[in-house]
Amino acid sequence: MISQNAGEIVELAVRRKNINISELSRKMKVNRRTLYNWFQQETLTSAVIHSISQAIDYDFSQEFPEDFFTNRSTCQKTVEEDNATEAGGQQYYWMKKYITLLEDYRLLLEKYNNSISQTPVDERRYYKYS
């Protein structure tokens, strides 16, 4: 007997429910390519399985009894974090990264300015021209 991987099981459920992939990707706020990649995976995270389950209104507890858990709020948060790195959430991901970079730069400037202000007057000329 040939066993199916998790992605194939999920894809089969999507196809049986006659759900359009584009519609599903919009509903889940992920790229279509992400869905196709999930369909090819041997294993999927519980968060992904639960998210797809909600989107297509299908109960995967029979197919994935060990992965299907009832704490929906934790699951949803994990999916949103996963989506941030996917194509659908790339804008948010890069925005957060840019803000973090700006905050680090501001701290570096403050540190530099503090070191300059504590430097004796004769040594300040060195910083000015270096």
N, C-alpha and C. Protein backbone atom coordinates (compact mmCIF):
# COMPACT_ATOMS: atom_id res chain seq x y z
N MET A 1 0.85 -1.19 0.00
CA MET A 1 0.00 0.00 0.00
C MET A 1 0.89 1.25 0.00
N ILE A 2 0.62 2.20 -0.86
CA ILE A 2 1.39 3.44 -0.96
C ILE A 2 0.74 4.47 -0.05
N SER A 3 1.54 5.04 0.83
CA SER A 3 0.99 6.06 1.72
C SER A 3 1.14 7.44 1.09
N GLN A 4 0.14 8.27 1.29
CA GLN A 4 0.17 9.63 0.75
C GLN A 4 0.86 10.55 1.73
N ASN A 5 1.49 11.58 1.19
CA ASN A 5 2.07 12.58 2.09
C ASN A 5 0.99 13.57 2.51
N ALA A 6 1.29 14.38 3.50
CA ALA A 6 0.30 15.31 4.05
C ALA A 6 -0.22 16.28 3.01
N GLY A 7 0.67 16.78 2.16
CA GLY A 7 0.26 17.71 1.12
C GLY A 7 -0.75 17.11 0.17
N GLU A 8 -0.52 15.86 -0.22
CA GLU A 8 -1.45 15.19 -1.13
C GLU A 8 -2.83 15.01 -0.48
N ILE A 9 -2.83 14.69 0.81
CA ILE A 9 -4.09 14.51 1.53
C ILE A 9 -4.87 15.82 1.56
N VAL A 10 -4.17 16.90 1.85
CA VAL A 10 -4.82 18.22 1.90
C VAL A 10 -5.31 18.62 0.51
N GLU A 11 -4.48 18.42 -0.51
CA GLU A 11 -4.89 18.77 -1.87
C GLU A 11 -6.12 17.96 -2.30
N LEU A 12 -6.15 16.70 -1.96
CA LEU A 12 -7.30 15.86 -2.30
C LEU A 12 -8.57 16.39 -1.65
N ALA A 13 -8.47 16.82 -0.39
CA ALA A 13 -9.64 17.38 0.30
C ALA A 13 -10.09 18.67 -0.38
N VAL A 14 -9.14 19.50 -0.78
CA VAL A 14 -9.48 20.75 -1.47
C VAL A 14 -10.19 20.45 -2.79
N ARG A 15 -9.65 19.50 -3.54
CA ARG A 15 -10.25 19.13 -4.83
C ARG A 15 -11.65 18.53 -4.64
N ARG A 16 -11.80 17.70 -3.62
CA ARG A 16 -13.12 17.08 -3.36
C ARG A 16 -14.17 18.13 -3.00
N LYS A 17 -13.74 19.17 -2.30
CA LYS A 17 -14.67 20.25 -1.94
C LYS A 17 -14.91 21.19 -3.12
N ASN A 18 -14.21 20.93 -4.24
CA ASN A 18 -14.35 21.73 -5.46
C ASN A 18 -14.08 23.21 -5.20
N ILE A 19 -12.97 23.46 -4.48
CA ILE A 19 -12.56 24.83 -4.14
C ILE A 19 -11.52 25.29 -5.15
N ASN A 20 -11.71 26.46 -5.69
CA ASN A 20 -10.76 27.06 -6.62
C ASN A 20 -9.51 27.48 -5.85
N ILE A 21 -8.34 27.16 -6.38
CA ILE A 21 -7.07 27.46 -5.71
C ILE A 21 -6.87 28.97 -5.54
N SER A 22 -7.23 29.74 -6.55
CA SER A 22 -7.11 31.20 -6.43
C SER A 22 -8.00 31.74 -5.33
N GLU A 23 -9.21 31.22 -5.26
CA GLU A 23 -10.14 31.64 -4.22
C GLU A 23 -9.61 31.25 -2.83
N LEU A 24 -9.07 30.05 -2.73
CA LEU A 24 -8.51 29.58 -1.46
C LEU A 24 -7.32 30.44 -1.05
N SER A 25 -6.47 30.79 -2.00
CA SER A 25 -5.29 31.60 -1.67
C SER A 25 -5.71 32.98 -1.17
N ARG A 26 -6.74 33.56 -1.78
CA ARG A 26 -7.23 34.86 -1.31
C ARG A 26 -7.83 34.73 0.09
N LYS A 27 -8.58 33.68 0.31
CA LYS A 27 -9.23 33.46 1.59
C LYS A 27 -8.19 33.29 2.71
N MET A 28 -7.09 32.60 2.38
CA MET A 28 -6.05 32.34 3.38
C MET A 28 -4.99 33.44 3.43
N LYS A 29 -5.06 34.36 2.47
CA LYS A 29 -4.09 35.46 2.37
C LYS A 29 -2.66 34.95 2.17
N VAL A 30 -2.54 33.97 1.28
CA VAL A 30 -1.23 33.46 0.87
C VAL A 30 -1.20 33.41 -0.65
N ASN A 31 -0.01 33.27 -1.18
CA ASN A 31 0.18 33.18 -2.62
C ASN A 31 -0.28 31.80 -3.11
N ARG A 32 -0.78 31.73 -4.33
CA ARG A 32 -1.16 30.43 -4.90
C ARG A 32 0.02 29.47 -4.91
N ARG A 33 1.19 30.00 -5.23
CA ARG A 33 2.40 29.18 -5.27
C ARG A 33 2.65 28.52 -3.91
N THR A 34 2.34 29.25 -2.84
CA THR A 34 2.50 28.70 -1.49
C THR A 34 1.60 27.48 -1.31
N LEU A 35 0.37 27.59 -1.78
CA LEU A 35 -0.55 26.45 -1.68
C LEU A 35 0.00 25.25 -2.44
N TYR A 36 0.46 25.49 -3.67
CA TYR A 36 1.01 24.38 -4.45
C TYR A 36 2.25 23.79 -3.78
N ASN A 37 3.05 24.61 -3.15
CA ASN A 37 4.21 24.10 -2.41
C ASN A 37 3.76 23.23 -1.23
N TRP A 38 2.72 23.68 -0.52
CA TRP A 38 2.20 22.89 0.59
C TRP A 38 1.69 21.54 0.09
N PHE A 39 1.05 21.53 -1.06
CA PHE A 39 0.51 20.28 -1.61
C PHE A 39 1.62 19.27 -1.91
N GLN A 40 2.84 19.74 -2.11
CA GLN A 40 3.95 18.84 -2.42
C GLN A 40 4.74 18.40 -1.19
N GLN A 41 4.43 18.96 -0.03
CA GLN A 41 5.18 18.65 1.19
C GLN A 41 4.77 17.30 1.76
N GLU A 42 5.76 16.58 2.29
CA GLU A 42 5.47 15.31 2.96
C GLU A 42 4.79 15.54 4.31
N THR A 43 5.22 16.60 5.00
CA THR A 43 4.61 16.95 6.28
C THR A 43 4.21 18.42 6.25
N LEU A 44 3.18 18.73 7.01
CA LEU A 44 2.72 20.11 7.14
C LEU A 44 2.57 20.43 8.62
N THR A 45 2.76 21.68 8.98
CA THR A 45 2.57 22.07 10.37
C THR A 45 1.09 22.00 10.73
N SER A 46 0.83 21.84 12.01
CA SER A 46 -0.55 21.80 12.49
C SER A 46 -1.27 23.10 12.15
N ALA A 47 -0.53 24.20 12.21
CA ALA A 47 -1.13 25.50 11.92
C ALA A 47 -1.62 25.58 10.47
N VAL A 48 -0.82 25.08 9.55
CA VAL A 48 -1.20 25.10 8.13
C VAL A 48 -2.42 24.21 7.90
N ILE A 49 -2.39 23.02 8.48
CA ILE A 49 -3.51 22.09 8.32
C ILE A 49 -4.79 22.71 8.89
N HIS A 50 -4.67 23.30 10.06
CA HIS A 50 -5.85 23.91 10.70
C HIS A 50 -6.37 25.09 9.87
N SER A 51 -5.46 25.89 9.34
CA SER A 51 -5.85 27.05 8.54
C SER A 51 -6.60 26.62 7.28
N ILE A 52 -6.07 25.62 6.60
CA ILE A 52 -6.74 25.11 5.40
C ILE A 52 -8.08 24.50 5.77
N SER A 53 -8.11 23.80 6.89
CA SER A 53 -9.35 23.20 7.38
C SER A 53 -10.45 24.25 7.55
N GLN A 54 -10.08 25.37 8.16
CA GLN A 54 -11.06 26.44 8.35
C GLN A 54 -11.47 27.06 7.02
N ALA A 55 -10.51 27.24 6.12
CA ALA A 55 -10.80 27.91 4.85
C ALA A 55 -11.72 27.10 3.96
N ILE A 56 -11.59 25.78 3.99
CA ILE A 56 -12.42 24.95 3.11
C ILE A 56 -13.56 24.26 3.87
N ASP A 57 -13.66 24.54 5.17
CA ASP A 57 -14.69 23.94 6.01
C ASP A 57 -14.64 22.42 5.94
N TYR A 58 -13.48 21.88 6.30
CA TYR A 58 -13.25 20.44 6.26
C TYR A 58 -12.55 20.02 7.55
N ASP A 59 -12.94 18.87 8.08
CA ASP A 59 -12.36 18.36 9.32
C ASP A 59 -11.25 17.36 9.00
N PHE A 60 -10.00 17.75 9.25
CA PHE A 60 -8.85 16.89 9.01
C PHE A 60 -8.49 16.02 10.21
N SER A 61 -9.32 16.00 11.23
CA SER A 61 -8.98 15.25 12.44
C SER A 61 -8.88 13.75 12.18
N GLN A 62 -9.57 13.26 11.17
CA GLN A 62 -9.47 11.84 10.81
C GLN A 62 -8.12 11.54 10.15
N GLU A 63 -7.71 12.41 9.25
CA GLU A 63 -6.47 12.20 8.50
C GLU A 63 -5.23 12.52 9.32
N PHE A 64 -5.33 13.52 10.21
CA PHE A 64 -4.19 13.97 11.02
C PHE A 64 -4.58 14.05 12.50
N PRO A 65 -4.89 12.93 13.12
CA PRO A 65 -5.35 12.99 14.52
C PRO A 65 -4.29 13.52 15.48
N GLU A 66 -3.02 13.23 15.20
CA GLU A 66 -1.95 13.69 16.11
C GLU A 66 -1.63 15.17 15.94
N ASP A 67 -1.94 15.74 14.78
CA ASP A 67 -1.63 17.14 14.51
C ASP A 67 -2.79 18.09 14.74
N PHE A 68 -3.98 17.57 14.79
CA PHE A 68 -5.15 18.44 14.88
C PHE A 68 -5.42 18.74 16.34
N PHE A 69 -5.27 20.00 16.73
CA PHE A 69 -5.48 20.39 18.12
C PHE A 69 -6.57 21.43 18.20
N THR A 70 -7.07 21.64 19.41
CA THR A 70 -8.24 22.50 19.58
C THR A 70 -7.92 23.93 19.96
N ASN A 71 -6.68 24.25 20.28
CA ASN A 71 -6.34 25.63 20.66
C ASN A 71 -6.25 26.49 19.41
N ARG A 72 -7.37 27.02 18.98
CA ARG A 72 -7.46 27.73 17.72
C ARG A 72 -6.72 29.07 17.74
N SER A 73 -6.70 29.76 18.86
CA SER A 73 -6.04 31.07 18.89
C SER A 73 -4.54 30.93 18.69
N THR A 74 -3.91 29.95 19.32
CA THR A 74 -2.48 29.71 19.13
C THR A 74 -2.21 29.32 17.70
N CYS A 75 -3.07 28.47 17.16
CA CYS A 75 -2.91 28.01 15.78
C CYS A 75 -3.00 29.18 14.81
N GLN A 76 -3.99 30.04 14.98
CA GLN A 76 -4.18 31.16 14.07
C GLN A 76 -2.99 32.11 14.12
N LYS A 77 -2.46 32.35 15.32
CA LYS A 77 -1.31 33.24 15.45
C LYS A 77 -0.11 32.67 14.70
N THR A 78 0.10 31.36 14.79
CA THR A 78 1.21 30.72 14.10
C THR A 78 1.06 30.84 12.60
N VAL A 79 -0.13 30.67 12.08
CA VAL A 79 -0.37 30.79 10.65
C VAL A 79 -0.09 32.21 10.19
N GLU A 80 -0.53 33.21 10.97
CA GLU A 80 -0.28 34.60 10.60
C GLU A 80 1.21 34.89 10.57
N GLU A 81 1.98 34.32 11.51
CA GLU A 81 3.43 34.51 11.51
C GLU A 81 4.04 33.84 10.29
N ASP A 82 3.55 32.64 9.95
CA ASP A 82 4.04 31.95 8.75
C ASP A 82 3.74 32.77 7.50
N ASN A 83 2.55 33.34 7.44
CA ASN A 83 2.15 34.12 6.28
C ASN A 83 3.02 35.36 6.10
N ALA A 84 3.53 35.87 7.19
CA ALA A 84 4.36 37.07 7.10
C ALA A 84 5.61 36.84 6.26
N THR A 85 6.07 35.61 6.23
CA THR A 85 7.27 35.33 5.44
C THR A 85 6.93 34.80 4.05
N GLU A 86 5.68 34.52 3.80
CA GLU A 86 5.27 34.04 2.49
C GLU A 86 5.06 35.23 1.55
N ALA A 87 4.87 34.94 0.30
CA ALA A 87 4.71 36.00 -0.70
C ALA A 87 3.53 36.91 -0.38
N GLY A 88 2.45 36.36 0.12
CA GLY A 88 1.28 37.17 0.44
C GLY A 88 1.54 38.17 1.56
N GLY A 89 2.46 37.87 2.45
CA GLY A 89 2.74 38.74 3.57
C GLY A 89 4.11 39.37 3.51
N GLN A 90 4.73 39.33 2.36
CA GLN A 90 6.08 39.85 2.24
C GLN A 90 6.17 41.33 2.56
N GLN A 91 5.20 42.08 2.18
CA GLN A 91 5.23 43.52 2.42
C GLN A 91 5.31 43.79 3.92
N TYR A 92 4.50 43.11 4.70
CA TYR A 92 4.52 43.27 6.15
C TYR A 92 5.85 42.81 6.72
N TYR A 93 6.36 41.70 6.25
CA TYR A 93 7.64 41.16 6.72
C TYR A 93 8.76 42.17 6.51
N TRP A 94 8.86 42.72 5.29
CA TRP A 94 9.92 43.67 4.98
C TRP A 94 9.72 44.99 5.70
N MET A 95 8.48 45.40 5.93
CA MET A 95 8.22 46.61 6.67
C MET A 95 8.75 46.47 8.11
N LYS A 96 8.47 45.33 8.75
CA LYS A 96 8.96 45.10 10.10
C LYS A 96 10.48 45.07 10.13
N LYS A 97 11.07 44.45 9.13
CA LYS A 97 12.53 44.36 9.05
C LYS A 97 13.14 45.75 8.89
N TYR A 98 12.54 46.59 8.06
CA TYR A 98 13.02 47.95 7.83
C TYR A 98 12.91 48.79 9.11
N ILE A 99 11.80 48.67 9.82
CA ILE A 99 11.62 49.42 11.06
C ILE A 99 12.65 48.99 12.09
N THR A 100 12.91 47.72 12.19
CA THR A 100 13.93 47.22 13.11
C THR A 100 15.30 47.78 12.75
N LEU A 101 15.60 47.80 11.47
CA LEU A 101 16.88 48.35 11.01
C LEU A 101 16.99 49.84 11.37
N LEU A 102 15.93 50.60 11.17
CA LEU A 102 15.93 52.02 11.52
C LEU A 102 16.13 52.23 13.02
N GLU A 103 15.48 51.40 13.83
CA GLU A 103 15.64 51.53 15.28
C GLU A 103 17.07 51.22 15.70
N ASP A 104 17.67 50.19 15.10
CA ASP A 104 19.07 49.87 15.39
C ASP A 104 19.99 51.00 14.97
N TYR A 105 19.73 51.60 13.83
CA TYR A 105 20.53 52.71 13.34
C TYR A 105 20.43 53.91 14.28
N ARG A 106 19.21 54.19 14.76
CA ARG A 106 19.00 55.30 15.71
C ARG A 106 19.81 55.06 16.99
N LEU A 107 19.80 53.84 17.50
CA LEU A 107 20.56 53.52 18.70
C LEU A 107 22.06 53.68 18.47
N LEU A 108 22.51 53.27 17.31
CA LEU A 108 23.92 53.42 16.95
C LEU A 108 24.32 54.89 16.89
N LEU A 109 23.47 55.73 16.29
CA LEU A 109 23.74 57.16 16.23
C LEU A 109 23.78 57.79 17.62
N GLU A 110 22.85 57.39 18.47
CA GLU A 110 22.85 57.91 19.84
C GLU A 110 24.13 57.53 20.56
N LYS A 111 24.55 56.29 20.40
CA LYS A 111 25.78 55.83 21.03
C LYS A 111 26.97 56.62 20.50
N TYR A 112 27.02 56.83 19.21
CA TYR A 112 28.10 57.59 18.59
C TYR A 112 28.11 59.04 19.11
N ASN A 113 26.95 59.67 19.13
CA ASN A 113 26.85 61.06 19.60
C ASN A 113 27.25 61.18 21.07
N ASN A 114 26.88 60.20 21.87
CA ASN A 114 27.28 60.21 23.28
C ASN A 114 28.79 60.07 23.42
N SER A 115 29.39 59.23 22.60
CA SER A 115 30.85 59.06 22.68
C SER A 115 31.57 60.33 22.23
N ILE A 116 31.03 61.04 21.25
CA ILE A 116 31.61 62.30 20.77
C ILE A 116 31.50 63.37 21.86
N SER A 117 30.34 63.46 22.49
CA SER A 117 30.14 64.50 23.49
C SER A 117 31.01 64.28 24.73
N GLN A 118 31.42 63.04 24.97
CA GLN A 118 32.27 62.76 26.12
C GLN A 118 33.76 62.81 25.77
N THR A 119 34.07 63.01 24.51
CA THR A 119 35.45 63.08 24.06
C THR A 119 35.99 64.49 24.29
N PRO A 120 37.25 64.61 24.77
CA PRO A 120 37.85 65.95 24.95
C PRO A 120 37.90 66.69 23.61
N VAL A 121 37.94 68.01 23.70
CA VAL A 121 37.87 68.88 22.52
C VAL A 121 38.97 68.56 21.51
N ASP A 122 40.19 68.30 21.92
CA ASP A 122 41.29 68.02 20.99
C ASP A 122 41.03 66.77 20.16
N GLU A 123 40.43 65.77 20.74
CA GLU A 123 40.19 64.52 20.01
C GLU A 123 39.00 64.63 19.06
N ARG A 124 38.13 65.60 19.24
CA ARG A 124 36.95 65.74 18.39
C ARG A 124 37.33 66.06 16.95
N ARG A 125 38.43 66.76 16.75
CA ARG A 125 38.88 67.06 15.39
C ARG A 125 39.14 65.78 14.61
N TYR A 126 39.64 64.77 15.29
CA TYR A 126 39.92 63.50 14.65
C TYR A 126 38.63 62.89 14.09
N TYR A 127 37.57 62.90 14.88
CA TYR A 127 36.29 62.33 14.44
C TYR A 127 35.71 63.12 13.27
N LYS A 128 35.93 64.42 13.29
CA LYS A 128 35.37 65.28 12.26
C LYS A 128 35.95 64.96 10.88
N TYR A 129 37.21 64.61 10.80
CA TYR A 129 37.87 64.41 9.52
C TYR A 129 38.08 62.94 9.17
N SER A 130 37.71 62.05 10.01
CA SER A 130 37.95 60.63 9.68
C SER A 130 36.81 60.00 8.95
